[in-house]
Amino acid sequence: MEGLIGIIGGGVFFLSWLIQSYETKKSNKVIFSKKFFITRIIASLILLTEAVRVQSAGFFLLYIATIAMMGYNLIKIKGKTKII
């Protein structure tokens, strides 16, 4: 089925928001945890694969940038805040 990779990637990307919402509700404060950023990286890798499949330079660059930003956030929270 054409586009299945994109659907899966979009689902994983949405899952990251469910994780963030659950952790925020559980702690009564806004939480962006290691799980959130890792889920975003996984989703972006899946969507990057789809960008290559459909030969979209714009989406390719978008997901490369997203992966870089999520990696940066993981590095920043590792040394400065408690990782949940």
PDB file of N, CA and C in Angstrom:
ATOM      1  N   MET A   1       0.833  -1.187   0.000  1.00  0.00           N
ATOM      2  CA  MET A   1       0.000   0.000   0.000  1.00  0.00           C
ATOM      3  C   MET A   1       0.877   1.249   0.000  1.00  0.00           C
ATOM      4  N   GLU A   2       0.712   2.052  -1.015  1.00  0.00           N
ATOM      5  CA  GLU A   2       1.517   3.254  -1.147  1.00  0.00           C
ATOM      6  C   GLU A   2       1.153   4.265  -0.064  1.00  0.00           C
ATOM      7  N   GLY A   3       2.154   4.855   0.546  1.00  0.00           N
ATOM      8  CA  GLY A   3       1.921   5.836   1.591  1.00  0.00           C
ATOM      9  C   GLY A   3       1.841   5.265   2.992  1.00  0.00           C
ATOM     10  N   LEU A   4       1.926   3.938   3.131  1.00  0.00           N
ATOM     11  CA  LEU A   4       1.826   3.306   4.451  1.00  0.00           C
ATOM     12  C   LEU A   4       2.933   3.774   5.391  1.00  0.00           C
ATOM     13  N   ILE A   5       4.131   3.973   4.851  1.00  0.00           N
ATOM     14  CA  ILE A   5       5.249   4.442   5.686  1.00  0.00           C
ATOM     15  C   ILE A   5       4.926   5.816   6.267  1.00  0.00           C
ATOM     16  N   GLY A   6       4.355   6.684   5.454  1.00  0.00           N
ATOM     17  CA  GLY A   6       3.977   8.014   5.924  1.00  0.00           C
ATOM     18  C   GLY A   6       2.894   7.968   6.989  1.00  0.00           C
ATOM     19  N   ILE A   7       1.939   7.065   6.816  1.00  0.00           N
ATOM     20  CA  ILE A   7       0.866   6.919   7.807  1.00  0.00           C
ATOM     21  C   ILE A   7       1.434   6.427   9.134  1.00  0.00           C
ATOM     22  N   ILE A   8       2.313   5.445   9.072  1.00  0.00           N
ATOM     23  CA  ILE A   8       2.944   4.922  10.290  1.00  0.00           C
ATOM     24  C   ILE A   8       3.768   6.023  10.965  1.00  0.00           C
ATOM     25  N   GLY A   9       4.557   6.741  10.171  1.00  0.00           N
ATOM     26  CA  GLY A   9       5.365   7.834  10.718  1.00  0.00           C
ATOM     27  C   GLY A   9       4.514   8.904  11.366  1.00  0.00           C
ATOM     28  N   GLY A  10       3.408   9.255  10.716  1.00  0.00           N
ATOM     29  CA  GLY A  10       2.493  10.239  11.288  1.00  0.00           C
ATOM     30  C   GLY A  10       1.880   9.752  12.586  1.00  0.00           C
ATOM     31  N   GLY A  11       1.562   8.458  12.645  1.00  0.00           N
ATOM     32  CA  GLY A  11       1.013   7.872  13.864  1.00  0.00           C
ATOM     33  C   GLY A  11       2.002   7.916  15.015  1.00  0.00           C
ATOM     34  N   VAL A  12       3.263   7.607  14.727  1.00  0.00           N
ATOM     35  CA  VAL A  12       4.296   7.652  15.766  1.00  0.00           C
ATOM     36  C   VAL A  12       4.519   9.102  16.210  1.00  0.00           C
ATOM     37  N   PHE A  13       4.490  10.023  15.262  1.00  0.00           N
ATOM     38  CA  PHE A  13       4.639  11.438  15.593  1.00  0.00           C
ATOM     39  C   PHE A  13       3.516  11.886  16.530  1.00  0.00           C
ATOM     40  N   PHE A  14       2.278  11.480  16.218  1.00  0.00           N
ATOM     41  CA  PHE A  14       1.139  11.801  17.080  1.00  0.00           C
ATOM     42  C   PHE A  14       1.292  11.140  18.450  1.00  0.00           C
ATOM     43  N   LEU A  15       1.833   9.939  18.485  1.00  0.00           N
ATOM     44  CA  LEU A  15       2.074   9.234  19.741  1.00  0.00           C
ATOM     45  C   LEU A  15       2.945  10.068  20.683  1.00  0.00           C
ATOM     46  N   SER A  16       3.901  10.805  20.116  1.00  0.00           N
ATOM     47  CA  SER A  16       4.758  11.638  20.966  1.00  0.00           C
ATOM     48  C   SER A  16       3.933  12.676  21.732  1.00  0.00           C
ATOM     49  N   TRP A  17       2.876  13.203  21.107  1.00  0.00           N
ATOM     50  CA  TRP A  17       2.009  14.160  21.798  1.00  0.00           C
ATOM     51  C   TRP A  17       1.169  13.472  22.860  1.00  0.00           C
ATOM     52  N   LEU A  18       0.755  12.239  22.603  1.00  0.00           N
ATOM     53  CA  LEU A  18       0.019  11.495  23.631  1.00  0.00           C
ATOM     54  C   LEU A  18       0.895  11.243  24.847  1.00  0.00           C
ATOM     55  N   ILE A  19       2.155  10.898  24.601  1.00  0.00           N
ATOM     56  CA  ILE A  19       3.115  10.691  25.695  1.00  0.00           C
ATOM     57  C   ILE A  19       3.275  11.978  26.490  1.00  0.00           C
ATOM     58  N   GLN A  20       3.469  13.093  25.784  1.00  0.00           N
ATOM     59  CA  GLN A  20       3.652  14.381  26.449  1.00  0.00           C
ATOM     60  C   GLN A  20       2.409  14.755  27.251  1.00  0.00           C
ATOM     61  N   SER A  21       1.245  14.556  26.679  1.00  0.00           N
ATOM     62  CA  SER A  21       0.001  14.892  27.385  1.00  0.00           C
ATOM     63  C   SER A  21      -0.183  14.035  28.634  1.00  0.00           C
ATOM     64  N   TYR A  22       0.075  12.742  28.516  1.00  0.00           N
ATOM     65  CA  TYR A  22      -0.065  11.838  29.659  1.00  0.00           C
ATOM     66  C   TYR A  22       0.894  12.229  30.788  1.00  0.00           C
ATOM     67  N   GLU A  23       2.158  12.465  30.436  1.00  0.00           N
ATOM     68  CA  GLU A  23       3.149  12.799  31.458  1.00  0.00           C
ATOM     69  C   GLU A  23       2.860  14.151  32.100  1.00  0.00           C
ATOM     70  N   THR A  24       2.344  15.096  31.323  1.00  0.00           N
ATOM     71  CA  THR A  24       1.966  16.401  31.863  1.00  0.00           C
ATOM     72  C   THR A  24       0.790  16.262  32.822  1.00  0.00           C
ATOM     73  N   LYS A  25      -0.222  15.501  32.422  1.00  0.00           N
ATOM     74  CA  LYS A  25      -1.387  15.309  33.287  1.00  0.00           C
ATOM     75  C   LYS A  25      -0.995  14.592  34.579  1.00  0.00           C
ATOM     76  N   LYS A  26      -0.131  13.609  34.473  1.00  0.00           N
ATOM     77  CA  LYS A  26       0.290  12.832  35.636  1.00  0.00           C
ATOM     78  C   LYS A  26       1.064  13.674  36.647  1.00  0.00           C
ATOM     79  N   SER A  27       1.865  14.611  36.159  1.00  0.00           N
ATOM     80  CA  SER A  27       2.705  15.391  37.080  1.00  0.00           C
ATOM     81  C   SER A  27       2.145  16.772  37.403  1.00  0.00           C
ATOM     82  N   ASN A  28       1.057  17.157  36.755  1.00  0.00           N
ATOM     83  CA  ASN A  28       0.451  18.471  36.959  1.00  0.00           C
ATOM     84  C   ASN A  28       1.368  19.628  36.585  1.00  0.00           C
ATOM     85  N   LYS A  29       2.349  19.387  35.724  1.00  0.00           N
ATOM     86  CA  LYS A  29       3.174  20.448  35.143  1.00  0.00           C
ATOM     87  C   LYS A  29       3.592  19.990  33.748  1.00  0.00           C
ATOM     88  N   VAL A  30       3.920  20.940  32.908  1.00  0.00           N
ATOM     89  CA  VAL A  30       4.270  20.608  31.526  1.00  0.00           C
ATOM     90  C   VAL A  30       5.577  19.838  31.498  1.00  0.00           C
ATOM     91  N   ILE A  31       5.540  18.682  30.858  1.00  0.00           N
ATOM     92  CA  ILE A  31       6.692  17.786  30.787  1.00  0.00           C
ATOM     93  C   ILE A  31       7.027  17.487  29.333  1.00  0.00           C
ATOM     94  N   PHE A  32       8.286  17.663  28.968  1.00  0.00           N
ATOM     95  CA  PHE A  32       8.813  17.184  27.690  1.00  0.00           C
ATOM     96  C   PHE A  32       9.957  16.243  28.059  1.00  0.00           C
ATOM     97  N   SER A  33       9.640  14.968  28.083  1.00  0.00           N
ATOM     98  CA  SER A  33      10.564  13.966  28.607  1.00  0.00           C
ATOM     99  C   SER A  33      11.462  13.383  27.515  1.00  0.00           C
ATOM    100  N   LYS A  34      12.406  12.593  27.974  1.00  0.00           N
ATOM    101  CA  LYS A  34      13.278  11.861  27.065  1.00  0.00           C
ATOM    102  C   LYS A  34      12.440  10.977  26.129  1.00  0.00           C
ATOM    103  N   LYS A  35      11.390  10.357  26.665  1.00  0.00           N
ATOM    104  CA  LYS A  35      10.503   9.518  25.835  1.00  0.00           C
ATOM    105  C   LYS A  35       9.880  10.326  24.699  1.00  0.00           C
ATOM    106  N   PHE A  36       9.466  11.546  25.000  1.00  0.00           N
ATOM    107  CA  PHE A  36       8.870  12.415  23.991  1.00  0.00           C
ATOM    108  C   PHE A  36       9.855  12.665  22.851  1.00  0.00           C
ATOM    109  N   PHE A  37      11.090  13.061  23.195  1.00  0.00           N
ATOM    110  CA  PHE A  37      12.071  13.382  22.168  1.00  0.00           C
ATOM    111  C   PHE A  37      12.509  12.146  21.377  1.00  0.00           C
ATOM    112  N   ILE A  38      12.663  11.025  22.044  1.00  0.00           N
ATOM    113  CA  ILE A  38      13.039   9.789  21.340  1.00  0.00           C
ATOM    114  C   ILE A  38      11.931   9.354  20.387  1.00  0.00           C
ATOM    115  N   THR A  39      10.682   9.461  20.826  1.00  0.00           N
ATOM    116  CA  THR A  39       9.556   9.115  19.948  1.00  0.00           C
ATOM    117  C   THR A  39       9.539  10.038  18.742  1.00  0.00           C
ATOM    118  N   ARG A  40       9.822  11.308  18.939  1.00  0.00           N
ATOM    119  CA  ARG A  40       9.882  12.257  17.825  1.00  0.00           C
ATOM    120  C   ARG A  40      11.000  11.901  16.843  1.00  0.00           C
ATOM    121  N   ILE A  41      12.142  11.473  17.357  1.00  0.00           N
ATOM    122  CA  ILE A  41      13.253  11.087  16.483  1.00  0.00           C
ATOM    123  C   ILE A  41      12.861   9.862  15.662  1.00  0.00           C
ATOM    124  N   ILE A  42      12.246   8.873  16.304  1.00  0.00           N
ATOM    125  CA  ILE A  42      11.811   7.672  15.588  1.00  0.00           C
ATOM    126  C   ILE A  42      10.810   8.038  14.489  1.00  0.00           C
ATOM    127  N   ALA A  43       9.833   8.874  14.834  1.00  0.00           N
ATOM    128  CA  ALA A  43       8.838   9.304  13.851  1.00  0.00           C
ATOM    129  C   ALA A  43       9.500  10.041  12.696  1.00  0.00           C
ATOM    130  N   SER A  44      10.442  10.903  13.007  1.00  0.00           N
ATOM    131  CA  SER A  44      11.117  11.670  11.965  1.00  0.00           C
ATOM    132  C   SER A  44      11.947  10.778  11.053  1.00  0.00           C
ATOM    133  N   LEU A  45      12.558   9.739  11.611  1.00  0.00           N
ATOM    134  CA  LEU A  45      13.308   8.794  10.780  1.00  0.00           C
ATOM    135  C   LEU A  45      12.377   8.046   9.828  1.00  0.00           C
ATOM    136  N   ILE A  46      11.211   7.648  10.331  1.00  0.00           N
ATOM    137  CA  ILE A  46      10.227   6.973   9.475  1.00  0.00           C
ATOM    138  C   ILE A  46       9.754   7.926   8.382  1.00  0.00           C
ATOM    139  N   LEU A  47       9.435   9.162   8.758  1.00  0.00           N
ATOM    140  CA  LEU A  47       8.956  10.135   7.778  1.00  0.00           C
ATOM    141  C   LEU A  47      10.063  10.562   6.817  1.00  0.00           C
ATOM    142  N   LEU A  48      11.306  10.535   7.267  1.00  0.00           N
ATOM    143  CA  LEU A  48      12.439  10.794   6.391  1.00  0.00           C
ATOM    144  C   LEU A  48      12.511   9.722   5.296  1.00  0.00           C
ATOM    145  N   THR A  49      12.264   8.477   5.685  1.00  0.00           N
ATOM    146  CA  THR A  49      12.226   7.382   4.714  1.00  0.00           C
ATOM    147  C   THR A  49      11.148   7.627   3.662  1.00  0.00           C
ATOM    148  N   GLU A  50       9.988   8.096   4.107  1.00  0.00           N
ATOM    149  CA  GLU A  50       8.897   8.409   3.178  1.00  0.00           C
ATOM    150  C   GLU A  50       9.272   9.577   2.268  1.00  0.00           C
ATOM    151  N   ALA A  51       9.956  10.577   2.810  1.00  0.00           N
ATOM    152  CA  ALA A  51      10.396  11.715   1.999  1.00  0.00           C
ATOM    153  C   ALA A  51      11.335  11.267   0.887  1.00  0.00           C
ATOM    154  N   VAL A  52      12.209  10.323   1.199  1.00  0.00           N
ATOM    155  CA  VAL A  52      13.111   9.773   0.179  1.00  0.00           C
ATOM    156  C   VAL A  52      12.299   9.006  -0.859  1.00  0.00           C
ATOM    157  N   ARG A  53      11.322   8.218  -0.408  1.00  0.00           N
ATOM    158  CA  ARG A  53      10.510   7.417  -1.330  1.00  0.00           C
ATOM    159  C   ARG A  53       9.758   8.292  -2.327  1.00  0.00           C
ATOM    160  N   VAL A  54       9.188   9.393  -1.850  1.00  0.00           N
ATOM    161  CA  VAL A  54       8.420  10.267  -2.739  1.00  0.00           C
ATOM    162  C   VAL A  54       9.298  11.345  -3.376  1.00  0.00           C
ATOM    163  N   GLN A  55      10.576  11.314  -3.063  1.00  0.00           N
ATOM    164  CA  GLN A  55      11.570  12.236  -3.620  1.00  0.00           C
ATOM    165  C   GLN A  55      11.223  13.702  -3.351  1.00  0.00           C
ATOM    166  N   SER A  56      10.953  13.996  -2.079  1.00  0.00           N
ATOM    167  CA  SER A  56      10.614  15.360  -1.673  1.00  0.00           C
ATOM    168  C   SER A  56      11.789  15.973  -0.911  1.00  0.00           C
ATOM    169  N   ALA A  57      12.496  16.875  -1.569  1.00  0.00           N
ATOM    170  CA  ALA A  57      13.643  17.532  -0.939  1.00  0.00           C
ATOM    171  C   ALA A  57      13.197  18.376   0.252  1.00  0.00           C
ATOM    172  N   GLY A  58      12.047  19.023   0.136  1.00  0.00           N
ATOM    173  CA  GLY A  58      11.552  19.863   1.227  1.00  0.00           C
ATOM    174  C   GLY A  58      11.279  19.064   2.490  1.00  0.00           C
ATOM    175  N   PHE A  59      10.560  17.958   2.344  1.00  0.00           N
ATOM    176  CA  PHE A  59      10.274  17.120   3.512  1.00  0.00           C
ATOM    177  C   PHE A  59      11.540  16.452   4.033  1.00  0.00           C
ATOM    178  N   PHE A  60      12.442  16.079   3.151  1.00  0.00           N
ATOM    179  CA  PHE A  60      13.717  15.494   3.564  1.00  0.00           C
ATOM    180  C   PHE A  60      14.456  16.458   4.483  1.00  0.00           C
ATOM    181  N   LEU A  61      14.574  17.711   4.061  1.00  0.00           N
ATOM    182  CA  LEU A  61      15.279  18.713   4.871  1.00  0.00           C
ATOM    183  C   LEU A  61      14.546  18.992   6.180  1.00  0.00           C
ATOM    184  N   LEU A  62      13.221  19.016   6.127  1.00  0.00           N
ATOM    185  CA  LEU A  62      12.421  19.235   7.332  1.00  0.00           C
ATOM    186  C   LEU A  62      12.696  18.156   8.378  1.00  0.00           C
ATOM    187  N   TYR A  63      12.725  16.895   7.966  1.00  0.00           N
ATOM    188  CA  TYR A  63      12.914  15.817   8.938  1.00  0.00           C
ATOM    189  C   TYR A  63      14.361  15.702   9.396  1.00  0.00           C
ATOM    190  N   ILE A  64      15.306  16.068   8.553  1.00  0.00           N
ATOM    191  CA  ILE A  64      16.704  16.141   9.007  1.00  0.00           C
ATOM    192  C   ILE A  64      16.819  17.209  10.107  1.00  0.00           C
ATOM    193  N   ALA A  65      16.203  18.363   9.875  1.00  0.00           N
ATOM    194  CA  ALA A  65      16.241  19.445  10.870  1.00  0.00           C
ATOM    195  C   ALA A  65      15.527  19.032  12.158  1.00  0.00           C
ATOM    196  N   THR A  66      14.404  18.321  12.027  1.00  0.00           N
ATOM    197  CA  THR A  66      13.660  17.869  13.210  1.00  0.00           C
ATOM    198  C   THR A  66      14.495  16.893  14.027  1.00  0.00           C
ATOM    199  N   ILE A  67      15.145  15.954  13.355  1.00  0.00           N
ATOM    200  CA  ILE A  67      16.013  14.988  14.043  1.00  0.00           C
ATOM    201  C   ILE A  67      17.141  15.723  14.775  1.00  0.00           C
ATOM    202  N   ALA A  68      17.738  16.704  14.113  1.00  0.00           N
ATOM    203  CA  ALA A  68      18.820  17.468  14.738  1.00  0.00           C
ATOM    204  C   ALA A  68      18.311  18.224  15.975  1.00  0.00           C
ATOM    205  N   MET A  69      17.154  18.853  15.875  1.00  0.00           N
ATOM    206  CA  MET A  69      16.608  19.616  17.004  1.00  0.00           C
ATOM    207  C   MET A  69      16.242  18.704  18.175  1.00  0.00           C
ATOM    208  N   MET A  70      15.645  17.549  17.892  1.00  0.00           N
ATOM    209  CA  MET A  70      15.287  16.626  18.970  1.00  0.00           C
ATOM    210  C   MET A  70      16.547  16.072  19.631  1.00  0.00           C
ATOM    211  N   GLY A  71      17.572  15.795  18.830  1.00  0.00           N
ATOM    212  CA  GLY A  71      18.851  15.343  19.390  1.00  0.00           C
ATOM    213  C   GLY A  71      19.474  16.404  20.275  1.00  0.00           C
ATOM    214  N   TYR A  72      19.422  17.646  19.824  1.00  0.00           N
ATOM    215  CA  TYR A  72      19.927  18.775  20.616  1.00  0.00           C
ATOM    216  C   TYR A  72      19.188  18.859  21.949  1.00  0.00           C
ATOM    217  N   ASN A  73      17.859  18.734  21.908  1.00  0.00           N
ATOM    218  CA  ASN A  73      17.072  18.790  23.140  1.00  0.00           C
ATOM    219  C   ASN A  73      17.425  17.658  24.094  1.00  0.00           C
ATOM    220  N   LEU A  74      17.658  16.468  23.559  1.00  0.00           N
ATOM    221  CA  LEU A  74      18.069  15.348  24.415  1.00  0.00           C
ATOM    222  C   LEU A  74      19.395  15.640  25.106  1.00  0.00           C
ATOM    223  N   ILE A  75      20.327  16.217  24.360  1.00  0.00           N
ATOM    224  CA  ILE A  75      21.628  16.561  24.937  1.00  0.00           C
ATOM    225  C   ILE A  75      21.464  17.621  26.028  1.00  0.00           C
ATOM    226  N   LYS A  76      20.625  18.628  25.769  1.00  0.00           N
ATOM    227  CA  LYS A  76      20.425  19.702  26.745  1.00  0.00           C
ATOM    228  C   LYS A  76      19.741  19.210  28.020  1.00  0.00           C
ATOM    229  N   ILE A  77      18.723  18.352  27.899  1.00  0.00           N
ATOM    230  CA  ILE A  77      18.038  17.915  29.109  1.00  0.00           C
ATOM    231  C   ILE A  77      18.861  16.898  29.885  1.00  0.00           C
ATOM    232  N   LYS A  78      19.780  16.233  29.221  1.00  0.00           N
ATOM    233  CA  LYS A  78      20.594  15.229  29.921  1.00  0.00           C
ATOM    234  C   LYS A  78      21.433  15.879  31.026  1.00  0.00           C
ATOM    235  N   GLY A  79      22.010  17.018  30.769  1.00  0.00           N
ATOM    236  CA  GLY A  79      22.899  17.642  31.750  1.00  0.00           C
ATOM    237  C   GLY A  79      22.244  18.648  32.677  1.00  0.00           C
ATOM    238  N   LYS A  80      21.060  19.158  32.301  1.00  0.00           N
ATOM    239  CA  LYS A  80      20.504  20.275  33.065  1.00  0.00           C
ATOM    240  C   LYS A  80      19.238  19.959  33.831  1.00  0.00           C
ATOM    241  N   THR A  81      18.509  18.930  33.442  1.00  0.00           N
ATOM    242  CA  THR A  81      17.257  18.636  34.119  1.00  0.00           C
ATOM    243  C   THR A  81      17.147  17.154  34.392  1.00  0.00           C
ATOM    244  N   LYS A  82      16.246  16.843  35.264  1.00  0.00           N
ATOM    245  CA  LYS A  82      15.974  15.439  35.565  1.00  0.00           C
ATOM    246  C   LYS A  82      15.291  14.806  34.361  1.00  0.00           C
ATOM    247  N   ILE A  83      15.817  13.705  33.867  1.00  0.00           N
ATOM    248  CA  ILE A  83      15.218  12.998  32.740  1.00  0.00           C
ATOM    249  C   ILE A  83      14.183  12.046  33.283  1.00  0.00           C
ATOM    250  N   ILE A  84      12.982  12.164  32.739  1.00  0.00           N
ATOM    251  CA  ILE A  84      11.867  11.351  33.222  1.00  0.00           C
ATOM    252  C   ILE A  84      11.767  10.083  32.407  1.00  0.00           C
TER     253      ILE A  84
END
